[in-house]
Structure formats: structure tokens, C-alpha cells
Amino acid sequence: MTTPPTPLARRFRHWLEDRATGAVIGVMRLIPYRWRIPAMGWFSRTVLGPLAMNKRIRNNLHHIFPELPPAEVRRICREVADNFACLMIEIHSGAEFARFAATQPISGPGLPALDEAHSSGRPVILVSAHFGNYDAWRAGLSARGFNVGGLYKPLTNPAANRRYVATIESVAKPLFPRGSEGLADMIRFVRAGGMLGILGDQNFNSGEVLDFLGKPALTAISAAKMALKYNALMVPVYATRNPDGLSFTIEVETPIPHTDAITMTQALNDSTAARVRGHMGQWFWIHRRWKYVPKSE
């Protein structure tokens, strides 16, 4: 049994991790934006991926797609590491990234519904995933004039969290931390007709067991509950990274019909699963999405 680190040791580790991350980001930001993004992607797929990501990616891929040939698994590992690092440096480019994202076209069958909701003041729950760059659509919709807020999960490292929040606020705001701290402000924002962005593709221990990519996964149904309670549209939205590695295709899908929270959330899972199947290297296979194991297994 390992001994947990002391508070002093934990603070030092957090400080060291934040300084190391800040140093890498600081060096990368010296490079012009056009070259900064692919440079960070190259570093991740050749160094960070093999060291820290590929094992988890391979395990998740084997769980969902055990028939994938080894060459395809290697390709997806490289693409996931590349996209992850590109997203990180894009977010930490702050306002520079926001200006670029604002130039990306927005389309999709759900866009007229967003325009109508904005005009009428109807709340909207925008649900996406750790796919492509989820801050690209947030910045793009904000630039279009929509009042887009974001729900985020605070980092466990306080020093890194301060820097993280400052950078994502420079992309678009308001932002609301997950948990009791940001709950009241988030509810007021939604009730006032705001558009709240949520990422719904991670394991949620107290969630419902729903299908995701053909396997049972604990899934939060809070977005659907909120949509039903406040008569808000619930709309899937994604920003897919294009082959050039820099630009994005931002697509707003048709709103999910109001039925019940389970049915609506399953529809969101199916929407995300379709995106993942279409662009396997752009989803965060590094997450522990399938922690739930049925008793029969």
C-alpha cells in the first residue's frame, strides 16, 4: 500500500508540474501561430504519446474495437496525441486562438434553431464532447453574437487551474465551475436565456448506465434534465479538425426532441459515437470512459 504524499510534497509537485507545463507553453508561444500548432502536435505524437498516452488509447480501442489491425491502432494513437496537444496549445493561445476560431464557418441543420432561440431569448444547452477542439465552436458561436457560457471541471492542481481558467476565459466567457460553487450562477445564466456549453462524454460515477460505442458507460443525464426543467433546446455541436491541422468544420446538429432525460441523453451518446466513428483520431481515447463493468463480467 503506497503512502499518500504529504500536503507539502503535493504542493511542491503541483508547483513543479505547473512550472514545467508553463515553460513548454511559453516556448511554444514564441513560435508564430501558423507553425505553433503543428509543432506542438509533432512533439506530442513523437514524445508525449509514446510516454504517457498510447497505453490508455490502445486499451480503450481494444475494448471497443478489438478487431482493429495494429497499423490502424498505431495511426489512431498518433492522431489522438497530435489532436490533444494541438487543442492544448490552441486553448493556451487565448485571444489569438479565439480570433482564428471566429473566422471558421458554422453550418448544420440546427443553426436556424439557435438563431431563433437567440432572437426569442429561449435557453439552449449546447452539448459536445472531447472531440476536435471543443473551444473552437464556443469561440465561433460567441463571435456570431450568441451568449455562450461554459461549464468546466476545475483541475486538481490549483496553480495549473488558475492558468487554465484564465486562458479559457480569454477564448469566451462566462464560465461556471462544476459543483456547488458555480451552480447558482449557471442556473441564473440559463434561465435568462443563455446558451450553456457542456461536455457530456466522460465517466460520471453517479450517472445512468447507457450505451456508448456499443458498451455500457456511466453517463450524466443532468444536461437533459436541465433542458426539460427550463424548456431549453438541447443541441449537439462539434468542431472537427480539418486535414490541414489548423482549421475546423463547426457543425450544429438538429436539436434533440424533448422526451425524457434517459432517452435524450442516449441520443446525445449516439450523436457523439457517430462523430467518433467518423474521425477516430479526434476523440480523447485517453479518458477512462468505460469504468463501469457489468456484474456478469
C-alpha atoms as a PDB file:
ATOM      1  CA  MET A   1       0.000   0.000   0.000  1.00  0.00           C
ATOM      2  CA  THR A   2       1.516   3.291  -1.105  1.00  0.00           C
ATOM      3  CA  THR A   3       1.700   6.219   1.312  1.00  0.00           C
ATOM      4  CA  PRO A   4      -0.140   9.317   0.056  1.00  0.00           C
ATOM      5  CA  PRO A   5       2.055  12.407  -0.385  1.00  0.00           C
ATOM      6  CA  THR A   6       2.115  14.989   2.373  1.00  0.00           C
ATOM      7  CA  PRO A   7       0.403  18.354   1.738  1.00  0.00           C
ATOM      8  CA  LEU A   8       3.820  19.997   1.361  1.00  0.00           C
ATOM      9  CA  ALA A   9       5.005  17.351  -1.105  1.00  0.00           C
ATOM     10  CA  ARG A  10       1.742  17.633  -3.036  1.00  0.00           C
ATOM     11  CA  ARG A  11       2.041  21.419  -3.249  1.00  0.00           C
ATOM     12  CA  PHE A  12       5.629  21.111  -4.467  1.00  0.00           C
ATOM     13  CA  ARG A  13       4.610  18.548  -7.095  1.00  0.00           C
ATOM     14  CA  HIS A  14       1.770  20.809  -8.266  1.00  0.00           C
ATOM     15  CA  TRP A  15       4.168  23.760  -8.426  1.00  0.00           C
ATOM     16  CA  LEU A  16       6.710  21.727 -10.387  1.00  0.00           C
ATOM     17  CA  GLU A  17       4.117  20.364 -12.821  1.00  0.00           C
ATOM     18  CA  ASP A  18       2.698  23.836 -13.423  1.00  0.00           C
ATOM     19  CA  ARG A  19       6.127  25.380 -13.978  1.00  0.00           C
ATOM     20  CA  ALA A  20       7.108  22.633 -16.425  1.00  0.00           C
ATOM     21  CA  THR A  21       3.849  22.950 -18.352  1.00  0.00           C
ATOM     22  CA  GLY A  22       4.090  26.735 -18.318  1.00  0.00           C
ATOM     23  CA  ALA A  23       7.640  26.572 -19.657  1.00  0.00           C
ATOM     24  CA  VAL A  24       6.633  24.359 -22.602  1.00  0.00           C
ATOM     25  CA  ILE A  25       3.663  26.603 -23.393  1.00  0.00           C
ATOM     26  CA  GLY A  26       5.825  29.725 -23.069  1.00  0.00           C
ATOM     27  CA  VAL A  27       8.392  28.378 -25.532  1.00  0.00           C
ATOM     28  CA  MET A  28       5.703  27.281 -27.987  1.00  0.00           C
ATOM     29  CA  ARG A  29       4.020  30.691 -27.869  1.00  0.00           C
ATOM     30  CA  LEU A  30       7.228  32.254 -29.179  1.00  0.00           C
ATOM     31  CA  ILE A  31       6.551  30.432 -32.457  1.00  0.00           C
ATOM     32  CA  PRO A  32       4.089  32.090 -34.868  1.00  0.00           C
ATOM     33  CA  TYR A  33       0.575  30.643 -34.555  1.00  0.00           C
ATOM     34  CA  ARG A  34       0.628  29.070 -38.027  1.00  0.00           C
ATOM     35  CA  TRP A  35       3.626  26.891 -37.049  1.00  0.00           C
ATOM     36  CA  ARG A  36       2.999  26.639 -33.319  1.00  0.00           C
ATOM     37  CA  ILE A  37       0.067  24.247 -33.643  1.00  0.00           C
ATOM     38  CA  PRO A  38       1.736  21.607 -35.874  1.00  0.00           C
ATOM     39  CA  ALA A  39       4.963  21.888 -33.839  1.00  0.00           C
ATOM     40  CA  MET A  40       3.110  21.017 -30.656  1.00  0.00           C
ATOM     41  CA  GLY A  41       1.314  18.178 -32.442  1.00  0.00           C
ATOM     42  CA  TRP A  42       4.614  16.728 -33.675  1.00  0.00           C
ATOM     43  CA  PHE A  43       6.130  16.885 -30.169  1.00  0.00           C
ATOM     44  CA  SER A  44       3.121  15.102 -28.700  1.00  0.00           C
ATOM     45  CA  ARG A  45       2.804  12.282 -31.207  1.00  0.00           C
ATOM     46  CA  THR A  46       6.554  11.541 -31.137  1.00  0.00           C
ATOM     47  CA  VAL A  47       7.351  12.107 -27.440  1.00  0.00           C
ATOM     48  CA  LEU A  48       4.333  12.575 -25.146  1.00  0.00           C
ATOM     49  CA  GLY A  49       2.144   9.980 -26.830  1.00  0.00           C
ATOM     50  CA  PRO A  50       4.547   7.037 -26.506  1.00  0.00           C
ATOM     51  CA  LEU A  51       5.464   8.078 -22.956  1.00  0.00           C
ATOM     52  CA  ALA A  52       2.072   8.876 -21.447  1.00  0.00           C
ATOM     53  CA  MET A  53      -0.918   8.305 -23.749  1.00  0.00           C
ATOM     54  CA  ASN A  54      -0.631   5.326 -26.048  1.00  0.00           C
ATOM     55  CA  LYS A  55      -1.182   2.582 -23.482  1.00  0.00           C
ATOM     56  CA  ARG A  56      -4.562   4.002 -22.400  1.00  0.00           C
ATOM     57  CA  ILE A  57      -5.553   4.669 -26.015  1.00  0.00           C
ATOM     58  CA  ARG A  58      -4.715   1.097 -27.050  1.00  0.00           C
ATOM     59  CA  ASN A  59      -6.611  -0.363 -24.099  1.00  0.00           C
ATOM     60  CA  ASN A  60      -9.744   1.654 -24.907  1.00  0.00           C
ATOM     61  CA  LEU A  61      -9.543   0.805 -28.593  1.00  0.00           C
ATOM     62  CA  HIS A  62      -9.195  -2.892 -27.807  1.00  0.00           C
ATOM     63  CA  HIS A  63     -12.227  -2.664 -25.516  1.00  0.00           C
ATOM     64  CA  ILE A  64     -14.422  -1.131 -28.226  1.00  0.00           C
ATOM     65  CA  PHE A  65     -12.847  -2.248 -31.498  1.00  0.00           C
ATOM     66  CA  PRO A  66     -10.863  -5.436 -30.754  1.00  0.00           C
ATOM     67  CA  GLU A  67     -10.712  -6.267 -34.461  1.00  0.00           C
ATOM     68  CA  LEU A  68      -8.682  -3.180 -35.443  1.00  0.00           C
ATOM     69  CA  PRO A  69      -5.403  -4.114 -37.133  1.00  0.00           C
ATOM     70  CA  PRO A  70      -2.201  -2.990 -35.367  1.00  0.00           C
ATOM     71  CA  ALA A  71      -1.350  -0.455 -38.074  1.00  0.00           C
ATOM     72  CA  GLU A  72      -4.721   1.249 -37.601  1.00  0.00           C
ATOM     73  CA  VAL A  73      -4.251   1.331 -33.831  1.00  0.00           C
ATOM     74  CA  ARG A  74      -0.848   2.977 -34.266  1.00  0.00           C
ATOM     75  CA  ARG A  75      -2.332   5.557 -36.627  1.00  0.00           C
ATOM     76  CA  ILE A  76      -5.114   6.433 -34.194  1.00  0.00           C
ATOM     77  CA  CYS A  77      -2.628   6.694 -31.314  1.00  0.00           C
ATOM     78  CA  ARG A  78      -0.591   9.231 -33.285  1.00  0.00           C
ATOM     79  CA  GLU A  79      -3.669  11.229 -34.282  1.00  0.00           C
ATOM     80  CA  VAL A  80      -5.083  11.327 -30.756  1.00  0.00           C
ATOM     81  CA  ALA A  81      -1.784  12.551 -29.301  1.00  0.00           C
ATOM     82  CA  ASP A  82      -1.474  15.111 -32.098  1.00  0.00           C
ATOM     83  CA  ASN A  83      -5.011  16.471 -31.707  1.00  0.00           C
ATOM     84  CA  PHE A  84      -4.783  16.561 -27.908  1.00  0.00           C
ATOM     85  CA  ALA A  85      -1.610  18.653 -27.947  1.00  0.00           C
ATOM     86  CA  CYS A  86      -2.886  20.934 -30.710  1.00  0.00           C
ATOM     87  CA  LEU A  87      -6.016  21.593 -28.656  1.00  0.00           C
ATOM     88  CA  MET A  88      -3.956  22.361 -25.544  1.00  0.00           C
ATOM     89  CA  ILE A  89      -1.709  24.895 -27.245  1.00  0.00           C
ATOM     90  CA  GLU A  90      -4.687  26.409 -29.094  1.00  0.00           C
ATOM     91  CA  ILE A  91      -6.533  26.973 -25.834  1.00  0.00           C
ATOM     92  CA  HIS A  92      -3.393  28.395 -24.242  1.00  0.00           C
ATOM     93  CA  SER A  93      -3.058  30.764 -27.192  1.00  0.00           C
ATOM     94  CA  GLY A  94      -6.102  32.501 -25.737  1.00  0.00           C
ATOM     95  CA  ALA A  95      -7.355  35.521 -27.648  1.00  0.00           C
ATOM     96  CA  GLU A  96      -5.163  34.641 -30.644  1.00  0.00           C
ATOM     97  CA  PHE A  97      -6.952  31.319 -30.990  1.00  0.00           C
ATOM     98  CA  ALA A  98     -10.345  32.957 -30.381  1.00  0.00           C
ATOM     99  CA  ARG A  99      -9.753  35.378 -33.262  1.00  0.00           C
ATOM    100  CA  PHE A 100      -8.852  32.489 -35.547  1.00  0.00           C
ATOM    101  CA  ALA A 101     -11.834  30.370 -34.453  1.00  0.00           C
ATOM    102  CA  ALA A 102     -14.143  33.318 -35.116  1.00  0.00           C
ATOM    103  CA  THR A 103     -13.241  33.091 -38.811  1.00  0.00           C
ATOM    104  CA  GLN A 104     -14.339  29.447 -39.135  1.00  0.00           C
ATOM    105  CA  PRO A 105     -17.651  28.829 -40.922  1.00  0.00           C
ATOM    106  CA  ILE A 106     -20.571  27.496 -38.883  1.00  0.00           C
ATOM    107  CA  SER A 107     -23.191  25.290 -40.514  1.00  0.00           C
ATOM    108  CA  GLY A 108     -25.551  22.424 -39.789  1.00  0.00           C
ATOM    109  CA  PRO A 109     -29.297  21.763 -39.637  1.00  0.00           C
ATOM    110  CA  GLY A 110     -29.544  23.079 -36.069  1.00  0.00           C
ATOM    111  CA  LEU A 111     -28.147  26.539 -36.774  1.00  0.00           C
ATOM    112  CA  PRO A 112     -31.533  28.137 -37.614  1.00  0.00           C
ATOM    113  CA  ALA A 113     -32.876  26.818 -34.302  1.00  0.00           C
ATOM    114  CA  LEU A 114     -30.017  28.575 -32.469  1.00  0.00           C
ATOM    115  CA  ASP A 115     -30.761  31.816 -34.316  1.00  0.00           C
ATOM    116  CA  GLU A 116     -34.428  31.562 -33.377  1.00  0.00           C
ATOM    117  CA  ALA A 117     -33.657  30.772 -29.734  1.00  0.00           C
ATOM    118  CA  HIS A 118     -31.276  33.727 -29.586  1.00  0.00           C
ATOM    119  CA  SER A 119     -33.929  36.058 -31.010  1.00  0.00           C
ATOM    120  CA  SER A 120     -36.647  34.826 -28.635  1.00  0.00           C
ATOM    121  CA  GLY A 121     -34.456  34.535 -25.538  1.00  0.00           C
ATOM    122  CA  ARG A 122     -35.028  30.801 -25.158  1.00  0.00           C
ATOM    123  CA  PRO A 123     -32.304  28.944 -23.212  1.00  0.00           C
ATOM    124  CA  VAL A 124     -30.075  26.466 -25.033  1.00  0.00           C
ATOM    125  CA  ILE A 125     -27.967  23.595 -23.716  1.00  0.00           C
ATOM    126  CA  LEU A 126     -25.125  23.007 -26.172  1.00  0.00           C
ATOM    127  CA  VAL A 127     -23.730  19.525 -25.650  1.00  0.00           C
ATOM    128  CA  SER A 128     -20.455  18.375 -27.152  1.00  0.00           C
ATOM    129  CA  ALA A 129     -17.541  16.065 -26.406  1.00  0.00           C
ATOM    130  CA  HIS A 130     -13.778  15.986 -26.020  1.00  0.00           C
ATOM    131  CA  PHE A 131     -13.543  15.866 -29.784  1.00  0.00           C
ATOM    132  CA  GLY A 132     -11.641  18.016 -32.276  1.00  0.00           C
ATOM    133  CA  ASN A 133     -11.428  21.300 -30.383  1.00  0.00           C
ATOM    134  CA  TYR A 134     -14.494  21.930 -28.239  1.00  0.00           C
ATOM    135  CA  ASP A 135     -13.442  25.549 -27.615  1.00  0.00           C
ATOM    136  CA  ALA A 136     -13.442  26.317 -31.350  1.00  0.00           C
ATOM    137  CA  TRP A 137     -17.239  26.140 -31.547  1.00  0.00           C
ATOM    138  CA  ARG A 138     -17.571  28.087 -28.279  1.00  0.00           C
ATOM    139  CA  ALA A 139     -15.430  30.892 -29.679  1.00  0.00           C
ATOM    140  CA  GLY A 140     -17.134  30.719 -33.086  1.00  0.00           C
ATOM    141  CA  LEU A 141     -20.672  30.916 -31.712  1.00  0.00           C
ATOM    142  CA  SER A 142     -19.681  33.747 -29.354  1.00  0.00           C
ATOM    143  CA  ALA A 143     -18.260  35.688 -32.298  1.00  0.00           C
ATOM    144  CA  ARG A 144     -21.596  35.193 -34.079  1.00  0.00           C
ATOM    145  CA  GLY A 145     -23.255  37.139 -31.260  1.00  0.00           C
ATOM    146  CA  PHE A 146     -24.595  34.267 -29.162  1.00  0.00           C
ATOM    147  CA  ASN A 147     -24.274  34.478 -25.374  1.00  0.00           C
ATOM    148  CA  VAL A 148     -22.350  31.243 -24.850  1.00  0.00           C
ATOM    149  CA  GLY A 149     -21.297  30.181 -21.366  1.00  0.00           C
ATOM    150  CA  GLY A 150     -19.279  27.111 -20.488  1.00  0.00           C
ATOM    151  CA  LEU A 151     -19.337  24.536 -17.708  1.00  0.00           C
ATOM    152  CA  TYR A 152     -15.836  23.325 -16.848  1.00  0.00           C
ATOM    153  CA  LYS A 153     -14.260  20.859 -14.434  1.00  0.00           C
ATOM    154  CA  PRO A 154     -11.587  22.542 -12.263  1.00  0.00           C
ATOM    155  CA  LEU A 155      -8.150  20.951 -12.406  1.00  0.00           C
ATOM    156  CA  THR A 156      -6.840  19.195  -9.297  1.00  0.00           C
ATOM    157  CA  ASN A 157      -3.655  21.276  -9.470  1.00  0.00           C
ATOM    158  CA  PRO A 158      -4.598  24.743  -8.098  1.00  0.00           C
ATOM    159  CA  ALA A 159      -1.691  26.520  -9.796  1.00  0.00           C
ATOM    160  CA  ALA A 160      -2.446  24.947 -13.173  1.00  0.00           C
ATOM    161  CA  ASN A 161      -6.162  25.602 -12.688  1.00  0.00           C
ATOM    162  CA  ARG A 162      -5.634  29.350 -12.272  1.00  0.00           C
ATOM    163  CA  ARG A 163      -3.721  29.490 -15.549  1.00  0.00           C
ATOM    164  CA  TYR A 164      -6.223  27.198 -17.276  1.00  0.00           C
ATOM    165  CA  VAL A 165      -9.250  29.263 -16.247  1.00  0.00           C
ATOM    166  CA  ALA A 166      -7.556  32.500 -17.304  1.00  0.00           C
ATOM    167  CA  THR A 167      -6.809  31.112 -20.755  1.00  0.00           C
ATOM    168  CA  ILE A 168     -10.256  29.617 -21.437  1.00  0.00           C
ATOM    169  CA  GLU A 169     -11.876  32.845 -20.231  1.00  0.00           C
ATOM    170  CA  SER A 170      -9.844  34.690 -22.864  1.00  0.00           C
ATOM    171  CA  VAL A 171     -11.431  32.430 -25.513  1.00  0.00           C
ATOM    172  CA  ALA A 172     -15.016  33.135 -24.418  1.00  0.00           C
ATOM    173  CA  LYS A 173     -16.948  33.674 -21.211  1.00  0.00           C
ATOM    174  CA  PRO A 174     -18.825  33.393 -18.854  1.00  0.00           C
ATOM    175  CA  LEU A 175     -17.543  30.153 -17.335  1.00  0.00           C
ATOM    176  CA  PHE A 176     -19.004  28.143 -14.478  1.00  0.00           C
ATOM    177  CA  PRO A 177     -17.016  25.606 -12.405  1.00  0.00           C
ATOM    178  CA  ARG A 178     -18.676  22.238 -11.993  1.00  0.00           C
ATOM    179  CA  GLY A 179     -20.058  21.730  -8.485  1.00  0.00           C
ATOM    180  CA  SER A 180     -21.839  23.824  -5.900  1.00  0.00           C
ATOM    181  CA  GLU A 181     -19.545  26.834  -6.398  1.00  0.00           C
ATOM    182  CA  GLY A 182     -20.824  27.685  -9.855  1.00  0.00           C
ATOM    183  CA  LEU A 183     -24.305  26.140  -9.728  1.00  0.00           C
ATOM    184  CA  ALA A 184     -26.363  29.204  -8.770  1.00  0.00           C
ATOM    185  CA  ASP A 185     -24.697  31.459 -11.360  1.00  0.00           C
ATOM    186  CA  MET A 186     -25.079  28.785 -14.040  1.00  0.00           C
ATOM    187  CA  ILE A 187     -28.811  28.381 -13.362  1.00  0.00           C
ATOM    188  CA  ARG A 188     -29.350  32.143 -13.484  1.00  0.00           C
ATOM    189  CA  PHE A 189     -27.499  32.265 -16.794  1.00  0.00           C
ATOM    190  CA  VAL A 190     -29.649  29.519 -18.320  1.00  0.00           C
ATOM    191  CA  ARG A 191     -32.929  30.939 -17.024  1.00  0.00           C
ATOM    192  CA  ALA A 192     -32.013  34.313 -18.510  1.00  0.00           C
ATOM    193  CA  GLY A 193     -31.811  32.761 -21.974  1.00  0.00           C
ATOM    194  CA  GLY A 194     -28.110  31.954 -22.187  1.00  0.00           C
ATOM    195  CA  MET A 195     -26.513  29.159 -24.203  1.00  0.00           C
ATOM    196  CA  LEU A 196     -24.645  26.806 -21.873  1.00  0.00           C
ATOM    197  CA  GLY A 197     -21.914  24.568 -23.296  1.00  0.00           C
ATOM    198  CA  ILE A 198     -21.390  21.157 -21.674  1.00  0.00           C
ATOM    199  CA  LEU A 199     -19.090  18.240 -22.488  1.00  0.00           C
ATOM    200  CA  GLY A 200     -21.014  15.056 -21.779  1.00  0.00           C
ATOM    201  CA  ASP A 201     -18.678  12.238 -22.806  1.00  0.00           C
ATOM    202  CA  GLN A 202     -16.769  11.425 -19.607  1.00  0.00           C
ATOM    203  CA  ASN A 203     -17.441   8.795 -16.952  1.00  0.00           C
ATOM    204  CA  PHE A 204     -19.864  10.039 -14.280  1.00  0.00           C
ATOM    205  CA  ASN A 205     -19.910   7.756 -11.261  1.00  0.00           C
ATOM    206  CA  SER A 206     -23.450   8.631 -10.175  1.00  0.00           C
ATOM    207  CA  GLY A 207     -24.802   8.669 -13.732  1.00  0.00           C
ATOM    208  CA  GLU A 208     -27.009   6.255 -15.621  1.00  0.00           C
ATOM    209  CA  VAL A 209     -25.662   3.206 -17.430  1.00  0.00           C
ATOM    210  CA  LEU A 210     -26.194   3.970 -21.123  1.00  0.00           C
ATOM    211  CA  ASP A 211     -24.712   2.689 -24.344  1.00  0.00           C
ATOM    212  CA  PHE A 212     -21.682   4.446 -25.764  1.00  0.00           C
ATOM    213  CA  LEU A 213     -19.970   2.939 -28.784  1.00  0.00           C
ATOM    214  CA  GLY A 214     -21.621  -0.392 -28.074  1.00  0.00           C
ATOM    215  CA  LYS A 215     -20.527  -0.720 -24.428  1.00  0.00           C
ATOM    216  CA  PRO A 216     -22.238   0.297 -21.153  1.00  0.00           C
ATOM    217  CA  ALA A 217     -20.923   3.580 -19.764  1.00  0.00           C
ATOM    218  CA  LEU A 218     -21.907   5.670 -16.746  1.00  0.00           C
ATOM    219  CA  THR A 219     -23.336   8.867 -18.213  1.00  0.00           C
ATOM    220  CA  ALA A 220     -24.516  12.131 -16.657  1.00  0.00           C
ATOM    221  CA  ILE A 221     -28.122  12.989 -17.557  1.00  0.00           C
ATOM    222  CA  SER A 222     -28.029  16.458 -15.972  1.00  0.00           C
ATOM    223  CA  ALA A 223     -27.967  18.292 -19.329  1.00  0.00           C
ATOM    224  CA  ALA A 224     -31.222  16.667 -20.399  1.00  0.00           C
ATOM    225  CA  LYS A 225     -32.798  17.287 -17.005  1.00  0.00           C
ATOM    226  CA  MET A 226     -31.873  20.950 -17.244  1.00  0.00           C
ATOM    227  CA  ALA A 227     -33.265  21.212 -20.767  1.00  0.00           C
ATOM    228  CA  LEU A 228     -36.579  19.728 -19.626  1.00  0.00           C
ATOM    229  CA  LYS A 229     -36.794  21.834 -16.470  1.00  0.00           C
ATOM    230  CA  TYR A 230     -36.096  25.178 -18.151  1.00  0.00           C
ATOM    231  CA  ASN A 231     -37.650  24.412 -21.561  1.00  0.00           C
ATOM    232  CA  ALA A 232     -34.263  24.788 -23.186  1.00  0.00           C
ATOM    233  CA  LEU A 233     -33.215  23.474 -26.563  1.00  0.00           C
ATOM    234  CA  MET A 234     -30.645  20.680 -26.282  1.00  0.00           C
ATOM    235  CA  VAL A 235     -28.349  20.802 -29.280  1.00  0.00           C
ATOM    236  CA  PRO A 236     -25.262  18.714 -30.156  1.00  0.00           C
ATOM    237  CA  VAL A 237     -22.426  20.788 -31.611  1.00  0.00           C
ATOM    238  CA  TYR A 238     -18.921  19.809 -32.741  1.00  0.00           C
ATOM    239  CA  ALA A 239     -15.770  21.364 -34.181  1.00  0.00           C
ATOM    240  CA  THR A 240     -13.951  18.798 -36.321  1.00  0.00           C
ATOM    241  CA  ARG A 241     -10.306  19.484 -37.124  1.00  0.00           C
ATOM    242  CA  ASN A 242      -9.735  19.638 -40.868  1.00  0.00           C
ATOM    243  CA  PRO A 243      -6.896  17.785 -42.671  1.00  0.00           C
ATOM    244  CA  ASP A 244      -4.737  20.944 -42.684  1.00  0.00           C
ATOM    245  CA  GLY A 245      -4.481  20.600 -38.886  1.00  0.00           C
ATOM    246  CA  LEU A 246      -5.410  24.244 -38.249  1.00  0.00           C
ATOM    247  CA  SER A 247      -8.933  24.972 -39.437  1.00  0.00           C
ATOM    248  CA  PHE A 248     -12.221  23.490 -38.259  1.00  0.00           C
ATOM    249  CA  THR A 249     -15.613  22.486 -39.557  1.00  0.00           C
ATOM    250  CA  ILE A 250     -18.126  23.687 -36.956  1.00  0.00           C
ATOM    251  CA  GLU A 251     -21.454  21.898 -37.211  1.00  0.00           C
ATOM    252  CA  VAL A 252     -24.661  22.396 -35.227  1.00  0.00           C
ATOM    253  CA  GLU A 253     -26.862  19.304 -35.272  1.00  0.00           C
ATOM    254  CA  THR A 254     -30.646  19.159 -35.090  1.00  0.00           C
ATOM    255  CA  PRO A 255     -31.959  19.771 -31.538  1.00  0.00           C
ATOM    256  CA  ILE A 256     -32.748  16.644 -29.509  1.00  0.00           C
ATOM    257  CA  PRO A 257     -36.560  16.347 -29.103  1.00  0.00           C
ATOM    258  CA  HIS A 258     -37.868  16.710 -25.544  1.00  0.00           C
ATOM    259  CA  THR A 259     -38.952  13.292 -24.238  1.00  0.00           C
ATOM    260  CA  ASP A 260     -37.337  12.072 -21.016  1.00  0.00           C
ATOM    261  CA  ALA A 261     -33.816  12.523 -19.647  1.00  0.00           C
ATOM    262  CA  ILE A 262     -32.670   8.960 -20.372  1.00  0.00           C
ATOM    263  CA  THR A 263     -33.876   8.925 -23.978  1.00  0.00           C
ATOM    264  CA  MET A 264     -32.458  12.379 -24.668  1.00  0.00           C
ATOM    265  CA  THR A 265     -29.067  11.539 -23.175  1.00  0.00           C
ATOM    266  CA  GLN A 266     -28.862   8.302 -25.147  1.00  0.00           C
ATOM    267  CA  ALA A 267     -29.486  10.354 -28.286  1.00  0.00           C
ATOM    268  CA  LEU A 268     -26.523  12.550 -27.307  1.00  0.00           C
ATOM    269  CA  ASN A 269     -24.335   9.474 -26.772  1.00  0.00           C
ATOM    270  CA  ASP A 270     -25.346   8.209 -30.203  1.00  0.00           C
ATOM    271  CA  SER A 271     -24.520  11.589 -31.742  1.00  0.00           C
ATOM    272  CA  THR A 272     -21.045  11.602 -30.204  1.00  0.00           C
ATOM    273  CA  ALA A 273     -20.473   7.955 -31.131  1.00  0.00           C
ATOM    274  CA  ALA A 274     -21.197   8.766 -34.774  1.00  0.00           C
ATOM    275  CA  ARG A 275     -18.615  11.553 -34.671  1.00  0.00           C
ATOM    276  CA  VAL A 276     -16.031   9.268 -33.087  1.00  0.00           C
ATOM    277  CA  ARG A 277     -16.594   6.543 -35.673  1.00  0.00           C
ATOM    278  CA  GLY A 278     -16.195   9.092 -38.451  1.00  0.00           C
ATOM    279  CA  HIS A 279     -12.988  10.639 -37.057  1.00  0.00           C
ATOM    280  CA  MET A 280     -11.384   8.082 -34.744  1.00  0.00           C
ATOM    281  CA  GLY A 281      -8.255  10.126 -34.064  1.00  0.00           C
ATOM    282  CA  GLN A 282     -10.092  13.242 -32.894  1.00  0.00           C
ATOM    283  CA  TRP A 283     -11.738  11.885 -29.771  1.00  0.00           C
ATOM    284  CA  PHE A 284      -9.914  11.736 -26.412  1.00  0.00           C
ATOM    285  CA  TRP A 285      -9.351   7.984 -26.128  1.00  0.00           C
ATOM    286  CA  ILE A 286      -7.121   8.838 -23.145  1.00  0.00           C
ATOM    287  CA  HIS A 287     -10.148   9.135 -20.846  1.00  0.00           C
ATOM    288  CA  ARG A 288     -11.322   6.242 -18.663  1.00  0.00           C
ATOM    289  CA  ARG A 289     -14.786   6.335 -20.219  1.00  0.00           C
ATOM    290  CA  TRP A 290     -15.799   2.735 -19.503  1.00  0.00           C
ATOM    291  CA  LYS A 291     -15.126   2.356 -15.785  1.00  0.00           C
ATOM    292  CA  TYR A 292     -18.474   0.636 -15.344  1.00  0.00           C
ATOM    293  CA  VAL A 293     -18.263  -3.162 -15.574  1.00  0.00           C
ATOM    294  CA  PRO A 294     -21.495  -5.236 -15.546  1.00  0.00           C
ATOM    295  CA  LYS A 295     -21.670  -7.845 -12.774  1.00  0.00           C
ATOM    296  CA  SER A 296     -21.809 -10.588 -15.404  1.00  0.00           C
ATOM    297  CA  GLU A 297     -18.273  -9.651 -16.459  1.00  0.00           C
END
